[in-house]
Amino acid sequence: MPILLLLLLLPLLVSGCDQEPVQPIQWQLPLTTAPDPHSPSPQATPPAWATEREGAIKLRLLSTSSGRQYTLLIPMRGEASVEDITVHLSGLAGGLRVHNGGVMFDDPEVTNPAAFITIRRGRQTRFSGWIYREFPEMFSPEIAGWKFFLDDATIRPASRDGEG
């Protein structure tokens, strides 16, 4: 009897599932994430309020091939070079925070200086975005052979006409 039942069910087992299309289960679908406002891109630009600041940064570069460290002092809207790397400073913030809508603002309650820099290697822009003093491993530019560390940022209010 069990053999007869098995023989009757065999055609059903072999062909029964071939006609049904596979439906993805909701939890198996790829996850989508909102764009990260911290993520750099070669076309990124700083917000207007960050470009109006006055100040300078102390940026430390480590050549991972030689182990040599370089310290660059870069004034706002200025640039400095070492070997084939050129760094331009175009924005400053004392502590960035992101609104729900993805808009960044400088929060006086956050103490994590940030600088908006553009890094060129030769003539090619390799990084344009924010670099932070705290947690450099999370937001540091990824350029082969180099590590970047924001050691200090000095921020002064924008000077007004007629004031020294």
C-alpha atoms as a PDB file:
ATOM      1  CA  MET A   1       0.000   0.000   0.000  1.00  0.00           C
ATOM      2  CA  PRO A   2       2.698   2.579   0.828  1.00  0.00           C
ATOM      3  CA  ILE A   3       4.425   1.764  -2.485  1.00  0.00           C
ATOM      4  CA  LEU A   4       1.175   2.314  -4.419  1.00  0.00           C
ATOM      5  CA  LEU A   5       0.636   5.662  -2.664  1.00  0.00           C
ATOM      6  CA  LEU A   6       4.200   6.709  -3.484  1.00  0.00           C
ATOM      7  CA  LEU A   7       3.728   5.806  -7.162  1.00  0.00           C
ATOM      8  CA  LEU A   8       0.505   7.830  -7.323  1.00  0.00           C
ATOM      9  CA  LEU A   9       2.108  10.920  -5.717  1.00  0.00           C
ATOM     10  CA  LEU A  10       5.374  10.774  -7.706  1.00  0.00           C
ATOM     11  CA  PRO A  11       4.043  12.677 -10.802  1.00  0.00           C
ATOM     12  CA  LEU A  12       2.635  15.359  -8.504  1.00  0.00           C
ATOM     13  CA  LEU A  13       5.944  15.729  -6.668  1.00  0.00           C
ATOM     14  CA  VAL A  14       7.964  15.939  -9.878  1.00  0.00           C
ATOM     15  CA  SER A  15       5.818  18.436 -11.839  1.00  0.00           C
ATOM     16  CA  GLY A  16       3.589  20.177  -9.320  1.00  0.00           C
ATOM     17  CA  CYS A  17       5.889  23.122  -8.484  1.00  0.00           C
ATOM     18  CA  ASP A  18       7.292  23.781 -11.961  1.00  0.00           C
ATOM     19  CA  GLN A  19       4.340  25.954 -13.043  1.00  0.00           C
ATOM     20  CA  GLU A  20       4.454  28.443 -10.117  1.00  0.00           C
ATOM     21  CA  PRO A  21       6.632  31.536 -10.531  1.00  0.00           C
ATOM     22  CA  VAL A  22       8.977  32.289  -7.655  1.00  0.00           C
ATOM     23  CA  GLN A  23       7.732  35.233  -5.605  1.00  0.00           C
ATOM     24  CA  PRO A  24      10.289  37.124  -3.507  1.00  0.00           C
ATOM     25  CA  ILE A  25       9.497  37.316   0.163  1.00  0.00           C
ATOM     26  CA  GLN A  26       9.346  40.892   1.476  1.00  0.00           C
ATOM     27  CA  TRP A  27      12.203  40.453   3.953  1.00  0.00           C
ATOM     28  CA  GLN A  28      14.403  38.981   1.198  1.00  0.00           C
ATOM     29  CA  LEU A  29      14.187  42.064  -1.027  1.00  0.00           C
ATOM     30  CA  PRO A  30      17.285  44.299  -1.130  1.00  0.00           C
ATOM     31  CA  LEU A  31      17.338  47.036   1.480  1.00  0.00           C
ATOM     32  CA  THR A  32      17.368  50.632   0.330  1.00  0.00           C
ATOM     33  CA  THR A  33      19.022  53.377   2.312  1.00  0.00           C
ATOM     34  CA  ALA A  34      18.708  57.127   2.246  1.00  0.00           C
ATOM     35  CA  PRO A  35      21.691  58.976   0.786  1.00  0.00           C
ATOM     36  CA  ASP A  36      24.343  59.746   3.399  1.00  0.00           C
ATOM     37  CA  PRO A  37      24.927  63.525   3.655  1.00  0.00           C
ATOM     38  CA  HIS A  38      28.468  62.786   4.884  1.00  0.00           C
ATOM     39  CA  SER A  39      29.431  60.824   1.796  1.00  0.00           C
ATOM     40  CA  PRO A  40      31.867  62.588  -0.521  1.00  0.00           C
ATOM     41  CA  SER A  41      31.605  62.958  -4.271  1.00  0.00           C
ATOM     42  CA  PRO A  42      33.859  64.719  -6.776  1.00  0.00           C
ATOM     43  CA  GLN A  43      31.084  67.262  -7.482  1.00  0.00           C
ATOM     44  CA  ALA A  44      30.159  67.977  -3.830  1.00  0.00           C
ATOM     45  CA  THR A  45      30.124  71.591  -2.645  1.00  0.00           C
ATOM     46  CA  PRO A  46      29.886  72.973   0.891  1.00  0.00           C
ATOM     47  CA  PRO A  47      26.830  74.885   2.121  1.00  0.00           C
ATOM     48  CA  ALA A  48      27.032  78.695   1.807  1.00  0.00           C
ATOM     49  CA  TRP A  49      27.279  79.250   5.579  1.00  0.00           C
ATOM     50  CA  ALA A  50      30.419  77.053   5.724  1.00  0.00           C
ATOM     51  CA  THR A  51      32.170  78.993   2.938  1.00  0.00           C
ATOM     52  CA  GLU A  52      31.607  82.314   4.733  1.00  0.00           C
ATOM     53  CA  ARG A  53      33.692  81.290   7.753  1.00  0.00           C
ATOM     54  CA  GLU A  54      37.230  82.485   8.299  1.00  0.00           C
ATOM     55  CA  GLY A  55      39.930  80.299   9.775  1.00  0.00           C
ATOM     56  CA  ALA A  56      42.370  77.539   8.984  1.00  0.00           C
ATOM     57  CA  ILE A  57      43.006  73.846   9.469  1.00  0.00           C
ATOM     58  CA  LYS A  58      45.939  71.713  10.482  1.00  0.00           C
ATOM     59  CA  LEU A  59      45.802  68.588   8.321  1.00  0.00           C
ATOM     60  CA  ARG A  60      48.141  65.641   8.849  1.00  0.00           C
ATOM     61  CA  LEU A  61      48.870  63.305   5.951  1.00  0.00           C
ATOM     62  CA  LEU A  62      50.471  59.896   6.303  1.00  0.00           C
ATOM     63  CA  SER A  63      52.142  58.294   3.318  1.00  0.00           C
ATOM     64  CA  THR A  64      51.429  54.609   3.894  1.00  0.00           C
ATOM     65  CA  SER A  65      54.146  53.580   1.433  1.00  0.00           C
ATOM     66  CA  SER A  66      56.976  55.442   3.191  1.00  0.00           C
ATOM     67  CA  GLY A  67      55.542  55.937   6.702  1.00  0.00           C
ATOM     68  CA  ARG A  68      56.380  59.630   6.447  1.00  0.00           C
ATOM     69  CA  GLN A  69      53.982  62.195   7.949  1.00  0.00           C
ATOM     70  CA  TYR A  70      53.352  65.687   6.610  1.00  0.00           C
ATOM     71  CA  THR A  71      51.554  68.544   8.354  1.00  0.00           C
ATOM     72  CA  LEU A  72      49.746  71.114   6.225  1.00  0.00           C
ATOM     73  CA  LEU A  73      48.425  74.424   7.549  1.00  0.00           C
ATOM     74  CA  ILE A  74      45.721  75.526   5.134  1.00  0.00           C
ATOM     75  CA  PRO A  75      43.876  78.861   5.408  1.00  0.00           C
ATOM     76  CA  MET A  76      40.240  79.180   4.390  1.00  0.00           C
ATOM     77  CA  ARG A  77      39.936  79.254   0.586  1.00  0.00           C
ATOM     78  CA  GLY A  78      43.614  78.310   0.351  1.00  0.00           C
ATOM     79  CA  GLU A  79      45.445  75.177  -0.660  1.00  0.00           C
ATOM     80  CA  ALA A  80      48.631  73.275   0.078  1.00  0.00           C
ATOM     81  CA  SER A  81      50.474  70.469  -1.685  1.00  0.00           C
ATOM     82  CA  VAL A  82      52.716  67.566  -0.786  1.00  0.00           C
ATOM     83  CA  GLU A  83      54.133  65.145  -3.342  1.00  0.00           C
ATOM     84  CA  ASP A  84      51.302  64.589  -5.889  1.00  0.00           C
ATOM     85  CA  ILE A  85      48.481  65.571  -3.470  1.00  0.00           C
ATOM     86  CA  THR A  86      46.873  69.045  -3.405  1.00  0.00           C
ATOM     87  CA  VAL A  87      44.311  69.932  -0.720  1.00  0.00           C
ATOM     88  CA  HIS A  88      41.959  72.921  -1.007  1.00  0.00           C
ATOM     89  CA  LEU A  89      39.931  74.175   2.006  1.00  0.00           C
ATOM     90  CA  SER A  90      36.518  75.610   1.116  1.00  0.00           C
ATOM     91  CA  GLY A  91      34.344  75.222   4.240  1.00  0.00           C
ATOM     92  CA  LEU A  92      34.536  75.083   8.039  1.00  0.00           C
ATOM     93  CA  ALA A  93      32.171  73.956  10.802  1.00  0.00           C
ATOM     94  CA  GLY A  94      32.497  73.606  14.570  1.00  0.00           C
ATOM     95  CA  GLY A  95      30.141  70.640  14.771  1.00  0.00           C
ATOM     96  CA  LEU A  96      27.878  69.356  12.040  1.00  0.00           C
ATOM     97  CA  ARG A  97      24.416  67.994  12.569  1.00  0.00           C
ATOM     98  CA  VAL A  98      21.922  66.751   9.987  1.00  0.00           C
ATOM     99  CA  HIS A  99      18.220  67.714   9.970  1.00  0.00           C
ATOM    100  CA  ASN A 100      15.653  65.043   9.129  1.00  0.00           C
ATOM    101  CA  GLY A 101      15.501  66.422   5.579  1.00  0.00           C
ATOM    102  CA  GLY A 102      19.235  65.802   5.106  1.00  0.00           C
ATOM    103  CA  VAL A 103      20.223  69.482   5.452  1.00  0.00           C
ATOM    104  CA  MET A 104      23.454  69.996   7.383  1.00  0.00           C
ATOM    105  CA  PHE A 105      23.889  72.804   9.906  1.00  0.00           C
ATOM    106  CA  ASP A 106      26.565  73.891  12.362  1.00  0.00           C
ATOM    107  CA  ASP A 107      25.352  73.031  15.859  1.00  0.00           C
ATOM    108  CA  PRO A 108      27.104  74.945  18.676  1.00  0.00           C
ATOM    109  CA  GLU A 109      26.325  72.062  21.055  1.00  0.00           C
ATOM    110  CA  VAL A 110      28.394  69.607  18.980  1.00  0.00           C
ATOM    111  CA  THR A 111      32.169  69.739  19.429  1.00  0.00           C
ATOM    112  CA  ASN A 112      33.644  67.981  16.424  1.00  0.00           C
ATOM    113  CA  PRO A 113      35.382  70.428  14.071  1.00  0.00           C
ATOM    114  CA  ALA A 114      34.942  69.651  10.400  1.00  0.00           C
ATOM    115  CA  ALA A 115      36.495  70.948   7.201  1.00  0.00           C
ATOM    116  CA  PHE A 116      35.169  70.714   3.673  1.00  0.00           C
ATOM    117  CA  ILE A 117      38.164  69.870   1.527  1.00  0.00           C
ATOM    118  CA  THR A 118      38.862  68.945  -2.062  1.00  0.00           C
ATOM    119  CA  ILE A 119      41.800  66.632  -2.733  1.00  0.00           C
ATOM    120  CA  ARG A 120      43.395  66.390  -6.138  1.00  0.00           C
ATOM    121  CA  ARG A 121      45.983  63.832  -7.127  1.00  0.00           C
ATOM    122  CA  GLY A 122      47.725  65.235 -10.143  1.00  0.00           C
ATOM    123  CA  ARG A 123      44.910  66.841 -12.152  1.00  0.00           C
ATOM    124  CA  GLN A 124      42.161  64.459 -11.017  1.00  0.00           C
ATOM    125  CA  THR A 125      39.782  65.297  -8.144  1.00  0.00           C
ATOM    126  CA  ARG A 126      39.834  62.286  -5.831  1.00  0.00           C
ATOM    127  CA  PHE A 127      37.752  63.587  -2.905  1.00  0.00           C
ATOM    128  CA  SER A 128      35.414  66.470  -2.187  1.00  0.00           C
ATOM    129  CA  GLY A 129      33.601  66.404   1.126  1.00  0.00           C
ATOM    130  CA  TRP A 130      33.728  66.788   4.891  1.00  0.00           C
ATOM    131  CA  ILE A 131      36.578  65.495   7.036  1.00  0.00           C
ATOM    132  CA  TYR A 132      36.181  65.459  10.835  1.00  0.00           C
ATOM    133  CA  ARG A 133      38.582  65.691  13.760  1.00  0.00           C
ATOM    134  CA  GLU A 134      36.798  62.940  15.690  1.00  0.00           C
ATOM    135  CA  PHE A 135      36.424  59.448  14.193  1.00  0.00           C
ATOM    136  CA  PRO A 136      38.793  60.014  11.241  1.00  0.00           C
ATOM    137  CA  GLU A 137      38.608  56.342  10.278  1.00  0.00           C
ATOM    138  CA  MET A 138      34.883  56.702   9.523  1.00  0.00           C
ATOM    139  CA  PHE A 139      34.987  59.802   7.342  1.00  0.00           C
ATOM    140  CA  SER A 140      38.539  59.933   6.006  1.00  0.00           C
ATOM    141  CA  PRO A 141      39.147  60.136   2.259  1.00  0.00           C
ATOM    142  CA  GLU A 142      40.058  56.803   0.691  1.00  0.00           C
ATOM    143  CA  ILE A 143      43.022  57.537  -1.532  1.00  0.00           C
ATOM    144  CA  ALA A 144      45.502  54.730  -2.143  1.00  0.00           C
ATOM    145  CA  GLY A 145      48.788  55.291  -0.340  1.00  0.00           C
ATOM    146  CA  TRP A 146      47.500  58.084   1.927  1.00  0.00           C
ATOM    147  CA  LYS A 147      45.704  58.608   5.239  1.00  0.00           C
ATOM    148  CA  PHE A 148      44.284  62.003   6.250  1.00  0.00           C
ATOM    149  CA  PHE A 149      43.750  63.368   9.775  1.00  0.00           C
ATOM    150  CA  LEU A 150      42.184  66.706  10.716  1.00  0.00           C
ATOM    151  CA  ASP A 151      44.265  67.632  13.764  1.00  0.00           C
ATOM    152  CA  ASP A 152      42.794  71.085  14.367  1.00  0.00           C
ATOM    153  CA  ALA A 153      40.425  73.672  12.946  1.00  0.00           C
ATOM    154  CA  THR A 154      40.424  77.323  13.923  1.00  0.00           C
ATOM    155  CA  ILE A 155      37.143  79.049  13.120  1.00  0.00           C
ATOM    156  CA  ARG A 156      36.580  82.787  13.367  1.00  0.00           C
ATOM    157  CA  PRO A 157      33.355  84.630  12.531  1.00  0.00           C
ATOM    158  CA  ALA A 158      33.354  86.199   9.070  1.00  0.00           C
ATOM    159  CA  SER A 159      34.856  89.690   9.191  1.00  0.00           C
ATOM    160  CA  ARG A 160      32.524  92.594   8.483  1.00  0.00           C
ATOM    161  CA  ASP A 161      33.437  95.611   6.380  1.00  0.00           C
ATOM    162  CA  GLY A 162      35.126  98.263   8.486  1.00  0.00           C
ATOM    163  CA  GLU A 163      35.942  95.888  11.358  1.00  0.00           C
ATOM    164  CA  GLY A 164      39.416  94.508  12.028  1.00  0.00           C
END
